[in-house]
Amino acid sequence: MNATVNAPVEADWVAVCEDSDLIPNVGICAKVNNKQIAIFLLKNPDGSESLHAIDNHDPKSNANVLSRGIVGDLKGHKVVASPIYKNHFNLETGECLEEGYSIPVYAVREQDGKIEIAA
């Protein structure tokens, strides 16, 4: 598994789950420092896997639901579709592809069988 976002050098990493808790192409939600973070393990077309972590909050619906969205590829971007209004969020940048806003993206990694988020 590969992290898709570089963490600050002095990042504090918080373990949120076991790597075996992740199901490819299905999101989970973890609470880190009072923020809900959606975590995705993507199975890429070439057979590799990649980890992604974004804010769980959908700013259009004002609901914490992005971990329940459907992941896929849209115009060459790895995205999750919000389950409410179906807006697509780029999992690498947090940018909404249909609207002019974005959400935070978090550094995520697998370390010794644990999934960790940079706090």
PDB file of N, CA and C in Angstrom:
ATOM      1  N   MET A   1       0.840  -1.180   0.000  1.00  0.00           N
ATOM      2  CA  MET A   1       0.000   0.000   0.000  1.00  0.00           C
ATOM      3  C   MET A   1       0.879   1.236   0.000  1.00  0.00           C
ATOM      4  N   ASN A   2       0.406   2.280  -0.647  1.00  0.00           N
ATOM      5  CA  ASN A   2       1.167   3.519  -0.716  1.00  0.00           C
ATOM      6  C   ASN A   2       0.342   4.675  -0.204  1.00  0.00           C
ATOM      7  N   ALA A   3       0.971   5.565   0.575  1.00  0.00           N
ATOM      8  CA  ALA A   3       0.315   6.815   0.956  1.00  0.00           C
ATOM      9  C   ALA A   3       0.300   7.712  -0.265  1.00  0.00           C
ATOM     10  N   THR A   4      -0.742   8.500  -0.418  1.00  0.00           N
ATOM     11  CA  THR A   4      -0.831   9.363  -1.584  1.00  0.00           C
ATOM     12  C   THR A   4      -0.499  10.805  -1.252  1.00  0.00           C
ATOM     13  N   VAL A   5      -0.347  11.123   0.015  1.00  0.00           N
ATOM     14  CA  VAL A   5      -0.073  12.491   0.426  1.00  0.00           C
ATOM     15  C   VAL A   5       1.152  12.481   1.310  1.00  0.00           C
ATOM     16  N   ASN A   6       2.085  13.392   1.066  1.00  0.00           N
ATOM     17  CA  ASN A   6       3.268  13.488   1.903  1.00  0.00           C
ATOM     18  C   ASN A   6       2.913  14.152   3.226  1.00  0.00           C
ATOM     19  N   ALA A   7       3.405  13.580   4.306  1.00  0.00           N
ATOM     20  CA  ALA A   7       3.152  14.125   5.630  1.00  0.00           C
ATOM     21  C   ALA A   7       4.247  15.100   6.006  1.00  0.00           C
ATOM     22  N   PRO A   8       3.921  16.063   6.862  1.00  0.00           N
ATOM     23  CA  PRO A   8       4.971  16.927   7.387  1.00  0.00           C
ATOM     24  C   PRO A   8       6.035  16.080   8.080  1.00  0.00           C
ATOM     25  N   VAL A   9       7.271  16.543   8.043  1.00  0.00           N
ATOM     26  CA  VAL A   9       8.386  15.775   8.599  1.00  0.00           C
ATOM     27  C   VAL A   9       8.139  15.413  10.060  1.00  0.00           C
ATOM     28  N   GLU A  10       7.591  16.329  10.824  1.00  0.00           N
ATOM     29  CA  GLU A  10       7.379  16.119  12.260  1.00  0.00           C
ATOM     30  C   GLU A  10       5.961  15.654  12.573  1.00  0.00           C
ATOM     31  N   ALA A  11       5.296  15.012  11.652  1.00  0.00           N
ATOM     32  CA  ALA A  11       3.905  14.606  11.859  1.00  0.00           C
ATOM     33  C   ALA A  11       3.779  13.600  12.998  1.00  0.00           C
ATOM     34  N   ASP A  12       2.724  13.756  13.777  1.00  0.00           N
ATOM     35  CA  ASP A  12       2.352  12.755  14.761  1.00  0.00           C
ATOM     36  C   ASP A  12       1.373  11.811  14.072  1.00  0.00           C
ATOM     37  N   TRP A  13       1.705  10.544  14.059  1.00  0.00           N
ATOM     38  CA  TRP A  13       0.855   9.560  13.400  1.00  0.00           C
ATOM     39  C   TRP A  13      -0.061   8.917  14.420  1.00  0.00           C
ATOM     40  N   VAL A  14      -1.332   8.793  14.072  1.00  0.00           N
ATOM     41  CA  VAL A  14      -2.338   8.203  14.946  1.00  0.00           C
ATOM     42  C   VAL A  14      -2.851   6.931  14.285  1.00  0.00           C
ATOM     43  N   ALA A  15      -2.730   5.808  14.983  1.00  0.00           N
ATOM     44  CA  ALA A  15      -3.260   4.541  14.462  1.00  0.00           C
ATOM     45  C   ALA A  15      -4.784   4.565  14.585  1.00  0.00           C
ATOM     46  N   VAL A  16      -5.465   4.226  13.479  1.00  0.00           N
ATOM     47  CA  VAL A  16      -6.928   4.266  13.484  1.00  0.00           C
ATOM     48  C   VAL A  16      -7.573   2.893  13.303  1.00  0.00           C
ATOM     49  N   CYS A  17      -6.842   1.942  12.718  1.00  0.00           N
ATOM     50  CA  CYS A  17      -7.392   0.605  12.545  1.00  0.00           C
ATOM     51  C   CYS A  17      -6.286  -0.341  12.089  1.00  0.00           C
ATOM     52  N   GLU A  18      -6.614  -1.600  11.996  1.00  0.00           N
ATOM     53  CA  GLU A  18      -5.701  -2.601  11.438  1.00  0.00           C
ATOM     54  C   GLU A  18      -5.828  -2.576   9.919  1.00  0.00           C
ATOM     55  N   ASP A  19      -4.758  -2.905   9.214  1.00  0.00           N
ATOM     56  CA  ASP A  19      -4.869  -2.943   7.755  1.00  0.00           C
ATOM     57  C   ASP A  19      -5.877  -3.987   7.293  1.00  0.00           C
ATOM     58  N   SER A  20      -6.073  -5.023   8.087  1.00  0.00           N
ATOM     59  CA  SER A  20      -7.044  -6.066   7.732  1.00  0.00           C
ATOM     60  C   SER A  20      -8.496  -5.591   7.879  1.00  0.00           C
ATOM     61  N   ASP A  21      -8.707  -4.431   8.521  1.00  0.00           N
ATOM     62  CA  ASP A  21     -10.058  -3.873   8.649  1.00  0.00           C
ATOM     63  C   ASP A  21     -10.538  -3.225   7.359  1.00  0.00           C
ATOM     64  N   LEU A  22      -9.614  -2.917   6.457  1.00  0.00           N
ATOM     65  CA  LEU A  22      -9.972  -2.242   5.213  1.00  0.00           C
ATOM     66  C   LEU A  22     -10.401  -3.243   4.151  1.00  0.00           C
ATOM     67  N   ILE A  23     -11.442  -2.895   3.446  1.00  0.00           N
ATOM     68  CA  ILE A  23     -11.933  -3.683   2.313  1.00  0.00           C
ATOM     69  C   ILE A  23     -11.658  -2.856   1.064  1.00  0.00           C
ATOM     70  N   PRO A  24     -11.002  -3.429   0.059  1.00  0.00           N
ATOM     71  CA  PRO A  24     -10.709  -2.642  -1.136  1.00  0.00           C
ATOM     72  C   PRO A  24     -11.951  -1.986  -1.731  1.00  0.00           C
ATOM     73  N   ASN A  25     -11.810  -0.702  -2.058  1.00  0.00           N
ATOM     74  CA  ASN A  25     -12.839   0.104  -2.716  1.00  0.00           C
ATOM     75  C   ASN A  25     -14.069   0.367  -1.865  1.00  0.00           C
ATOM     76  N   VAL A  26     -13.931   0.231  -0.543  1.00  0.00           N
ATOM     77  CA  VAL A  26     -15.005   0.540   0.399  1.00  0.00           C
ATOM     78  C   VAL A  26     -14.417   1.446   1.474  1.00  0.00           C
ATOM     79  N   GLY A  27     -15.094   2.547   1.784  1.00  0.00           N
ATOM     80  CA  GLY A  27     -14.583   3.493   2.766  1.00  0.00           C
ATOM     81  C   GLY A  27     -14.929   3.124   4.188  1.00  0.00           C
ATOM     82  N   ILE A  28     -14.113   3.644   5.104  1.00  0.00           N
ATOM     83  CA  ILE A  28     -14.410   3.582   6.534  1.00  0.00           C
ATOM     84  C   ILE A  28     -14.203   4.988   7.082  1.00  0.00           C
ATOM     85  N   CYS A  29     -14.707   5.232   8.268  1.00  0.00           N
ATOM     86  CA  CYS A  29     -14.549   6.529   8.900  1.00  0.00           C
ATOM     87  C   CYS A  29     -13.834   6.356  10.228  1.00  0.00           C
ATOM     88  N   ALA A  30     -12.919   7.280  10.526  1.00  0.00           N
ATOM     89  CA  ALA A  30     -12.209   7.282  11.805  1.00  0.00           C
ATOM     90  C   ALA A  30     -12.238   8.700  12.356  1.00  0.00           C
ATOM     91  N   LYS A  31     -12.309   8.808  13.666  1.00  0.00           N
ATOM     92  CA  LYS A  31     -12.277  10.118  14.312  1.00  0.00           C
ATOM     93  C   LYS A  31     -10.863  10.372  14.824  1.00  0.00           C
ATOM     94  N   VAL A  32     -10.246  11.442  14.337  1.00  0.00           N
ATOM     95  CA  VAL A  32      -8.891  11.819  14.722  1.00  0.00           C
ATOM     96  C   VAL A  32      -8.926  13.296  15.111  1.00  0.00           C
ATOM     97  N   ASN A  33      -8.559  13.582  16.353  1.00  0.00           N
ATOM     98  CA  ASN A  33      -8.561  14.969  16.849  1.00  0.00           C
ATOM     99  C   ASN A  33      -9.902  15.658  16.592  1.00  0.00           C
ATOM    100  N   ASN A  34     -10.984  14.969  16.901  1.00  0.00           N
ATOM    101  CA  ASN A  34     -12.344  15.489  16.745  1.00  0.00           C
ATOM    102  C   ASN A  34     -12.740  15.779  15.300  1.00  0.00           C
ATOM    103  N   LYS A  35     -12.009  15.214  14.330  1.00  0.00           N
ATOM    104  CA  LYS A  35     -12.371  15.320  12.925  1.00  0.00           C
ATOM    105  C   LYS A  35     -12.720  13.937  12.407  1.00  0.00           C
ATOM    106  N   GLN A  36     -13.781  13.842  11.617  1.00  0.00           N
ATOM    107  CA  GLN A  36     -14.102  12.585  10.957  1.00  0.00           C
ATOM    108  C   GLN A  36     -13.323  12.510   9.648  1.00  0.00           C
ATOM    109  N   ILE A  37     -12.579  11.419   9.483  1.00  0.00           N
ATOM    110  CA  ILE A  37     -11.753  11.237   8.296  1.00  0.00           C
ATOM    111  C   ILE A  37     -12.191   9.966   7.576  1.00  0.00           C
ATOM    112  N   ALA A  38     -12.446  10.100   6.284  1.00  0.00           N
ATOM    113  CA  ALA A  38     -12.819   8.953   5.448  1.00  0.00           C
ATOM    114  C   ALA A  38     -11.551   8.338   4.882  1.00  0.00           C
ATOM    115  N   ILE A  39     -11.407   7.022   5.033  1.00  0.00           N
ATOM    116  CA  ILE A  39     -10.210   6.308   4.586  1.00  0.00           C
ATOM    117  C   ILE A  39     -10.614   5.277   3.543  1.00  0.00           C
ATOM    118  N   PHE A  40      -9.855   5.239   2.457  1.00  0.00           N
ATOM    119  CA  PHE A  40     -10.146   4.329   1.361  1.00  0.00           C
ATOM    120  C   PHE A  40      -8.894   3.559   0.971  1.00  0.00           C
ATOM    121  N   LEU A  41      -9.039   2.268   0.769  1.00  0.00           N
ATOM    122  CA  LEU A  41      -8.007   1.425   0.179  1.00  0.00           C
ATOM    123  C   LEU A  41      -8.492   1.091  -1.226  1.00  0.00           C
ATOM    124  N   LEU A  42      -7.812   1.646  -2.220  1.00  0.00           N
ATOM    125  CA  LEU A  42      -8.224   1.413  -3.601  1.00  0.00           C
ATOM    126  C   LEU A  42      -7.406   0.305  -4.226  1.00  0.00           C
ATOM    127  N   LYS A  43      -8.086  -0.549  -4.946  1.00  0.00           N
ATOM    128  CA  LYS A  43      -7.452  -1.573  -5.774  1.00  0.00           C
ATOM    129  C   LYS A  43      -7.365  -0.968  -7.162  1.00  0.00           C
ATOM    130  N   ASN A  44      -6.148  -0.687  -7.606  1.00  0.00           N
ATOM    131  CA  ASN A  44      -5.926  -0.034  -8.886  1.00  0.00           C
ATOM    132  C   ASN A  44      -5.990  -1.043 -10.035  1.00  0.00           C
ATOM    133  N   PRO A  45      -6.258  -0.568 -11.255  1.00  0.00           N
ATOM    134  CA  PRO A  45      -6.369  -1.483 -12.408  1.00  0.00           C
ATOM    135  C   PRO A  45      -5.135  -2.348 -12.629  1.00  0.00           C
ATOM    136  N   ASP A  46      -3.951  -1.846 -12.242  1.00  0.00           N
ATOM    137  CA  ASP A  46      -2.735  -2.625 -12.437  1.00  0.00           C
ATOM    138  C   ASP A  46      -2.500  -3.643 -11.320  1.00  0.00           C
ATOM    139  N   GLY A  47      -3.453  -3.741 -10.370  1.00  0.00           N
ATOM    140  CA  GLY A  47      -3.335  -4.698  -9.269  1.00  0.00           C
ATOM    141  C   GLY A  47      -2.709  -4.120  -8.013  1.00  0.00           C
ATOM    142  N   SER A  48      -2.128  -2.938  -8.106  1.00  0.00           N
ATOM    143  CA  SER A  48      -1.552  -2.305  -6.915  1.00  0.00           C
ATOM    144  C   SER A  48      -2.674  -1.726  -6.044  1.00  0.00           C
ATOM    145  N   GLU A  49      -2.313  -1.364  -4.828  1.00  0.00           N
ATOM    146  CA  GLU A  49      -3.272  -0.756  -3.910  1.00  0.00           C
ATOM    147  C   GLU A  49      -2.753   0.605  -3.484  1.00  0.00           C
ATOM    148  N   SER A  50      -3.668   1.514  -3.181  1.00  0.00           N
ATOM    149  CA  SER A  50      -3.274   2.834  -2.685  1.00  0.00           C
ATOM    150  C   SER A  50      -4.235   3.260  -1.585  1.00  0.00           C
ATOM    151  N   LEU A  51      -3.676   3.945  -0.588  1.00  0.00           N
ATOM    152  CA  LEU A  51      -4.454   4.467   0.531  1.00  0.00           C
ATOM    153  C   LEU A  51      -4.759   5.940   0.310  1.00  0.00           C
ATOM    154  N   HIS A  52      -5.954   6.349   0.720  1.00  0.00           N
ATOM    155  CA  HIS A  52      -6.369   7.745   0.595  1.00  0.00           C
ATOM    156  C   HIS A  52      -7.164   8.115   1.838  1.00  0.00           C
ATOM    157  N   ALA A  53      -6.989   9.363   2.292  1.00  0.00           N
ATOM    158  CA  ALA A  53      -7.739   9.856   3.447  1.00  0.00           C
ATOM    159  C   ALA A  53      -8.179  11.291   3.164  1.00  0.00           C
ATOM    160  N   ILE A  54      -9.482  11.519   3.279  1.00  0.00           N
ATOM    161  CA  ILE A  54     -10.050  12.846   3.060  1.00  0.00           C
ATOM    162  C   ILE A  54     -11.005  13.143   4.205  1.00  0.00           C
ATOM    163  N   ASP A  55     -11.392  14.403   4.300  1.00  0.00           N
ATOM    164  CA  ASP A  55     -12.398  14.780   5.288  1.00  0.00           C
ATOM    165  C   ASP A  55     -13.685  14.023   4.975  1.00  0.00           C
ATOM    166  N   ASN A  56     -14.380  13.585   5.992  1.00  0.00           N
ATOM    167  CA  ASN A  56     -15.632  12.848   5.795  1.00  0.00           C
ATOM    168  C   ASN A  56     -16.806  13.783   5.551  1.00  0.00           C
ATOM    169  N   HIS A  57     -16.609  15.074   5.753  1.00  0.00           N
ATOM    170  CA  HIS A  57     -17.697  16.054   5.677  1.00  0.00           C
ATOM    171  C   HIS A  57     -17.922  16.510   4.242  1.00  0.00           C
ATOM    172  N   ASP A  58     -19.141  16.329   3.756  1.00  0.00           N
ATOM    173  CA  ASP A  58     -19.554  16.805   2.436  1.00  0.00           C
ATOM    174  C   ASP A  58     -20.083  18.227   2.619  1.00  0.00           C
ATOM    175  N   PRO A  59     -19.365  19.235   2.113  1.00  0.00           N
ATOM    176  CA  PRO A  59     -19.791  20.617   2.348  1.00  0.00           C
ATOM    177  C   PRO A  59     -21.112  20.990   1.678  1.00  0.00           C
ATOM    178  N   LYS A  60     -21.502  20.323   0.618  1.00  0.00           N
ATOM    179  CA  LYS A  60     -22.765  20.672  -0.047  1.00  0.00           C
ATOM    180  C   LYS A  60     -23.967  20.210   0.769  1.00  0.00           C
ATOM    181  N   SER A  61     -23.915  18.996   1.302  1.00  0.00           N
ATOM    182  CA  SER A  61     -25.042  18.482   2.095  1.00  0.00           C
ATOM    183  C   SER A  61     -24.888  18.789   3.570  1.00  0.00           C
ATOM    184  N   ASN A  62     -23.682  19.237   3.981  1.00  0.00           N
ATOM    185  CA  ASN A  62     -23.366  19.506   5.384  1.00  0.00           C
ATOM    186  C   ASN A  62     -23.529  18.250   6.241  1.00  0.00           C
ATOM    187  N   ALA A  63     -23.175  17.106   5.675  1.00  0.00           N
ATOM    188  CA  ALA A  63     -23.293  15.828   6.389  1.00  0.00           C
ATOM    189  C   ALA A  63     -21.957  15.083   6.316  1.00  0.00           C
ATOM    190  N   ASN A  64     -21.679  14.300   7.340  1.00  0.00           N
ATOM    191  CA  ASN A  64     -20.467  13.477   7.378  1.00  0.00           C
ATOM    192  C   ASN A  64     -20.775  12.120   6.743  1.00  0.00           C
ATOM    193  N   VAL A  65     -20.621  12.049   5.415  1.00  0.00           N
ATOM    194  CA  VAL A  65     -21.067  10.860   4.692  1.00  0.00           C
ATOM    195  C   VAL A  65     -20.102  10.345   3.623  1.00  0.00           C
ATOM    196  N   LEU A  66     -18.987  11.025   3.389  1.00  0.00           N
ATOM    197  CA  LEU A  66     -18.151  10.651   2.245  1.00  0.00           C
ATOM    198  C   LEU A  66     -17.562   9.252   2.359  1.00  0.00           C
ATOM    199  N   SER A  67     -17.369   8.752   3.575  1.00  0.00           N
ATOM    200  CA  SER A  67     -16.853   7.383   3.725  1.00  0.00           C
ATOM    201  C   SER A  67     -17.841   6.352   3.187  1.00  0.00           C
ATOM    202  N   ARG A  68     -19.082   6.740   3.005  1.00  0.00           N
ATOM    203  CA  ARG A  68     -20.116   5.835   2.482  1.00  0.00           C
ATOM    204  C   ARG A  68     -20.305   5.969   0.973  1.00  0.00           C
ATOM    205  N   GLY A  69     -19.513   6.825   0.355  1.00  0.00           N
ATOM    206  CA  GLY A  69     -19.648   7.057  -1.074  1.00  0.00           C
ATOM    207  C   GLY A  69     -19.058   5.936  -1.909  1.00  0.00           C
ATOM    208  N   ILE A  70     -19.359   5.992  -3.191  1.00  0.00           N
ATOM    209  CA  ILE A  70     -18.859   5.004  -4.144  1.00  0.00           C
ATOM    210  C   ILE A  70     -17.577   5.540  -4.765  1.00  0.00           C
ATOM    211  N   VAL A  71     -16.514   4.710  -4.767  1.00  0.00           N
ATOM    212  CA  VAL A  71     -15.239   5.131  -5.356  1.00  0.00           C
ATOM    213  C   VAL A  71     -15.168   4.684  -6.806  1.00  0.00           C
ATOM    214  N   GLY A  72     -14.365   5.421  -7.562  1.00  0.00           N
ATOM    215  CA  GLY A  72     -14.190   5.066  -8.960  1.00  0.00           C
ATOM    216  C   GLY A  72     -13.196   5.988  -9.619  1.00  0.00           C
ATOM    217  N   ASP A  73     -13.225   5.981 -10.950  1.00  0.00           N
ATOM    218  CA  ASP A  73     -12.351   6.818 -11.757  1.00  0.00           C
ATOM    219  C   ASP A  73     -13.243   7.701 -12.615  1.00  0.00           C
ATOM    220  N   LEU A  74     -12.984   8.997 -12.566  1.00  0.00           N
ATOM    221  CA  LEU A  74     -13.753   9.936 -13.371  1.00  0.00           C
ATOM    222  C   LEU A  74     -12.773  10.869 -14.066  1.00  0.00           C
ATOM    223  N   LYS A  75     -12.725  10.782 -15.381  1.00  0.00           N
ATOM    224  CA  LYS A  75     -11.827  11.621 -16.180  1.00  0.00           C
ATOM    225  C   LYS A  75     -10.378  11.480 -15.723  1.00  0.00           C
ATOM    226  N   GLY A  76      -9.980  10.258 -15.369  1.00  0.00           N
ATOM    227  CA  GLY A  76      -8.608  10.004 -14.966  1.00  0.00           C
ATOM    228  C   GLY A  76      -8.287  10.330 -13.517  1.00  0.00           C
ATOM    229  N   HIS A  77      -9.286  10.694 -12.739  1.00  0.00           N
ATOM    230  CA  HIS A  77      -9.087  11.026 -11.330  1.00  0.00           C
ATOM    231  C   HIS A  77      -9.706   9.939 -10.448  1.00  0.00           C
ATOM    232  N   LYS A  78      -8.998   9.564  -9.381  1.00  0.00           N
ATOM    233  CA  LYS A  78      -9.561   8.662  -8.381  1.00  0.00           C
ATOM    234  C   LYS A  78     -10.506   9.498  -7.529  1.00  0.00           C
ATOM    235  N   VAL A  79     -11.772   9.087  -7.470  1.00  0.00           N
ATOM    236  CA  VAL A  79     -12.787   9.907  -6.810  1.00  0.00           C
ATOM    237  C   VAL A  79     -13.683   9.069  -5.899  1.00  0.00           C
ATOM    238  N   VAL A  80     -14.373   9.793  -5.024  1.00  0.00           N
ATOM    239  CA  VAL A  80     -15.486   9.226  -4.275  1.00  0.00           C
ATOM    240  C   VAL A  80     -16.695  10.119  -4.566  1.00  0.00           C
ATOM    241  N   ALA A  81     -17.840   9.498  -4.823  1.00  0.00           N
ATOM    242  CA  ALA A  81     -19.075  10.230  -5.073  1.00  0.00           C
ATOM    243  C   ALA A  81     -19.841  10.344  -3.766  1.00  0.00           C
ATOM    244  N   SER A  82     -20.209  11.556  -3.414  1.00  0.00           N
ATOM    245  CA  SER A  82     -21.002  11.762  -2.209  1.00  0.00           C
ATOM    246  C   SER A  82     -22.318  10.997  -2.337  1.00  0.00           C
ATOM    247  N   PRO A  83     -22.722  10.274  -1.294  1.00  0.00           N
ATOM    248  CA  PRO A  83     -23.971   9.513  -1.394  1.00  0.00           C
ATOM    249  C   PRO A  83     -25.223  10.386  -1.398  1.00  0.00           C
ATOM    250  N   ILE A  84     -25.110  11.673  -1.125  1.00  0.00           N
ATOM    251  CA  ILE A  84     -26.304  12.526  -1.083  1.00  0.00           C
ATOM    252  C   ILE A  84     -26.533  13.231  -2.409  1.00  0.00           C
ATOM    253  N   TYR A  85     -25.610  14.108  -2.826  1.00  0.00           N
ATOM    254  CA  TYR A  85     -25.796  14.857  -4.067  1.00  0.00           C
ATOM    255  C   TYR A  85     -24.960  14.335  -5.223  1.00  0.00           C
ATOM    256  N   LYS A  86     -24.199  13.279  -4.985  1.00  0.00           N
ATOM    257  CA  LYS A  86     -23.406  12.608  -6.025  1.00  0.00           C
ATOM    258  C   LYS A  86     -22.259  13.439  -6.574  1.00  0.00           C
ATOM    259  N   ASN A  87     -21.853  14.521  -5.874  1.00  0.00           N
ATOM    260  CA  ASN A  87     -20.665  15.261  -6.293  1.00  0.00           C
ATOM    261  C   ASN A  87     -19.449  14.371  -6.128  1.00  0.00           C
ATOM    262  N   HIS A  88     -18.479  14.518  -7.018  1.00  0.00           N
ATOM    263  CA  HIS A  88     -17.269  13.693  -7.003  1.00  0.00           C
ATOM    264  C   HIS A  88     -16.105  14.466  -6.414  1.00  0.00           C
ATOM    265  N   PHE A  89     -15.441  13.856  -5.425  1.00  0.00           N
ATOM    266  CA  PHE A  89     -14.284  14.456  -4.775  1.00  0.00           C
ATOM    267  C   PHE A  89     -13.031  13.677  -5.152  1.00  0.00           C
ATOM    268  N   ASN A  90     -12.021  14.398  -5.635  1.00  0.00           N
ATOM    269  CA  ASN A  90     -10.742  13.806  -5.992  1.00  0.00           C
ATOM    270  C   ASN A  90     -10.071  13.324  -4.710  1.00  0.00           C
ATOM    271  N   LEU A  91      -9.743  12.039  -4.642  1.00  0.00           N
ATOM    272  CA  LEU A  91      -9.162  11.463  -3.435  1.00  0.00           C
ATOM    273  C   LEU A  91      -7.721  11.904  -3.204  1.00  0.00           C
ATOM    274  N   GLU A  92      -7.069  12.454  -4.208  1.00  0.00           N
ATOM    275  CA  GLU A  92      -5.679  12.891  -4.058  1.00  0.00           C
ATOM    276  C   GLU A  92      -5.572  14.374  -3.718  1.00  0.00           C
ATOM    277  N   THR A  93      -6.536  15.181  -4.158  1.00  0.00           N
ATOM    278  CA  THR A  93      -6.463  16.629  -3.933  1.00  0.00           C
ATOM    279  C   THR A  93      -7.594  17.175  -3.077  1.00  0.00           C
ATOM    280  N   GLY A  94      -8.698  16.451  -2.962  1.00  0.00           N
ATOM    281  CA  GLY A  94      -9.861  16.923  -2.230  1.00  0.00           C
ATOM    282  C   GLY A  94     -10.777  17.819  -3.044  1.00  0.00           C
ATOM    283  N   GLU A  95     -10.392  18.098  -4.272  1.00  0.00           N
ATOM    284  CA  GLU A  95     -11.174  18.993  -5.126  1.00  0.00           C
ATOM    285  C   GLU A  95     -12.492  18.346  -5.538  1.00  0.00           C
ATOM    286  N   CYS A  96     -13.574  19.132  -5.476  1.00  0.00           N
ATOM    287  CA  CYS A  96     -14.863  18.678  -5.995  1.00  0.00           C
ATOM    288  C   CYS A  96     -14.857  18.940  -7.494  1.00  0.00           C
ATOM    289  N   LEU A  97     -15.126  17.927  -8.295  1.00  0.00           N
ATOM    290  CA  LEU A  97     -15.039  18.064  -9.749  1.00  0.00           C
ATOM    291  C   LEU A  97     -16.205  18.838 -10.348  1.00  0.00           C
ATOM    292  N   GLU A  98     -17.337  18.927  -9.632  1.00  0.00           N
ATOM    293  CA  GLU A  98     -18.500  19.632 -10.175  1.00  0.00           C
ATOM    294  C   GLU A  98     -18.668  21.049  -9.614  1.00  0.00           C
ATOM    295  N   GLU A  99     -18.144  21.305  -8.453  1.00  0.00           N
ATOM    296  CA  GLU A  99     -18.339  22.586  -7.775  1.00  0.00           C
ATOM    297  C   GLU A  99     -16.988  23.261  -7.571  1.00  0.00           C
ATOM    298  N   GLY A 100     -16.988  24.477  -7.135  1.00  0.00           N
ATOM    299  CA  GLY A 100     -15.745  25.219  -6.960  1.00  0.00           C
ATOM    300  C   GLY A 100     -15.191  25.184  -5.549  1.00  0.00           C
ATOM    301  N   TYR A 101     -15.224  24.054  -4.900  1.00  0.00           N
ATOM    302  CA  TYR A 101     -14.672  23.953  -3.555  1.00  0.00           C
ATOM    303  C   TYR A 101     -13.906  22.657  -3.399  1.00  0.00           C
ATOM    304  N   SER A 102     -13.217  22.543  -2.262  1.00  0.00           N
ATOM    305  CA  SER A 102     -12.469  21.318  -1.983  1.00  0.00           C
ATOM    306  C   SER A 102     -12.551  21.011  -0.495  1.00  0.00           C
ATOM    307  N   ILE A 103     -12.127  19.807  -0.155  1.00  0.00           N
ATOM    308  CA  ILE A 103     -12.122  19.353   1.234  1.00  0.00           C
ATOM    309  C   ILE A 103     -10.695  18.967   1.610  1.00  0.00           C
ATOM    310  N   PRO A 104     -10.398  18.938   2.909  1.00  0.00           N
ATOM    311  CA  PRO A 104      -9.036  18.557   3.321  1.00  0.00           C
ATOM    312  C   PRO A 104      -8.689  17.118   2.951  1.00  0.00           C
ATOM    313  N   VAL A 105      -7.407  16.940   2.643  1.00  0.00           N
ATOM    314  CA  VAL A 105      -6.831  15.623   2.369  1.00  0.00           C
ATOM    315  C   VAL A 105      -5.791  15.371   3.450  1.00  0.00           C
ATOM    316  N   TYR A 106      -5.696  14.135   3.938  1.00  0.00           N
ATOM    317  CA  TYR A 106      -4.795  13.801   5.032  1.00  0.00           C
ATOM    318  C   TYR A 106      -3.760  12.774   4.595  1.00  0.00           C
ATOM    319  N   ALA A 107      -2.585  12.878   5.172  1.00  0.00           N
ATOM    320  CA  ALA A 107      -1.556  11.876   4.934  1.00  0.00           C
ATOM    321  C   ALA A 107      -1.980  10.591   5.641  1.00  0.00           C
ATOM    322  N   VAL A 108      -1.802   9.473   4.963  1.00  0.00           N
ATOM    323  CA  VAL A 108      -2.185   8.170   5.504  1.00  0.00           C
ATOM    324  C   VAL A 108      -1.117   7.164   5.114  1.00  0.00           C
ATOM    325  N   ARG A 109      -0.886   6.200   5.994  1.00  0.00           N
ATOM    326  CA  ARG A 109       0.105   5.168   5.696  1.00  0.00           C
ATOM    327  C   ARG A 109      -0.250   3.883   6.419  1.00  0.00           C
ATOM    328  N   GLU A 110       0.366   2.790   5.945  1.00  0.00           N
ATOM    329  CA  GLU A 110       0.311   1.502   6.627  1.00  0.00           C
ATOM    330  C   GLU A 110       1.666   1.325   7.295  1.00  0.00           C
ATOM    331  N   GLN A 111       1.649   1.057   8.593  1.00  0.00           N
ATOM    332  CA  GLN A 111       2.881   0.880   9.354  1.00  0.00           C
ATOM    333  C   GLN A 111       2.700  -0.311  10.283  1.00  0.00           C
ATOM    334  N   ASP A 112       3.456  -1.377  10.056  1.00  0.00           N
ATOM    335  CA  ASP A 112       3.408  -2.570  10.916  1.00  0.00           C
ATOM    336  C   ASP A 112       1.994  -3.105  11.098  1.00  0.00           C
ATOM    337  N   GLY A 113       1.247  -3.154  10.016  1.00  0.00           N
ATOM    338  CA  GLY A 113      -0.102  -3.713  10.052  1.00  0.00           C
ATOM    339  C   GLY A 113      -1.185  -2.770  10.551  1.00  0.00           C
ATOM    340  N   LYS A 114      -0.821  -1.536  10.848  1.00  0.00           N
ATOM    341  CA  LYS A 114      -1.779  -0.530  11.309  1.00  0.00           C
ATOM    342  C   LYS A 114      -1.934   0.561  10.254  1.00  0.00           C
ATOM    343  N   ILE A 115      -3.129   1.101  10.133  1.00  0.00           N
ATOM    344  CA  ILE A 115      -3.374   2.249   9.274  1.00  0.00           C
ATOM    345  C   ILE A 115      -3.261   3.481  10.156  1.00  0.00           C
ATOM    346  N   GLU A 116      -2.417   4.430   9.714  1.00  0.00           N
ATOM    347  CA  GLU A 116      -2.139   5.614  10.507  1.00  0.00           C
ATOM    348  C   GLU A 116      -2.443   6.875   9.707  1.00  0.00           C
ATOM    349  N   ILE A 117      -2.934   7.894  10.423  1.00  0.00           N
ATOM    350  CA  ILE A 117      -3.236   9.198   9.852  1.00  0.00           C
ATOM    351  C   ILE A 117      -2.285  10.205  10.501  1.00  0.00           C
ATOM    352  N   ALA A 118      -1.743  11.135   9.699  1.00  0.00           N
ATOM    353  CA  ALA A 118      -0.900  12.199  10.242  1.00  0.00           C
ATOM    354  C   ALA A 118      -1.801  13.217  10.911  1.00  0.00           C
ATOM    355  N   ALA A 119      -1.590  13.396  12.207  1.00  0.00           N
ATOM    356  CA  ALA A 119      -2.435  14.337  12.972  1.00  0.00           C
ATOM    357  C   ALA A 119      -1.832  15.728  12.970  1.00  0.00           C
TER     358      ALA A 119
END
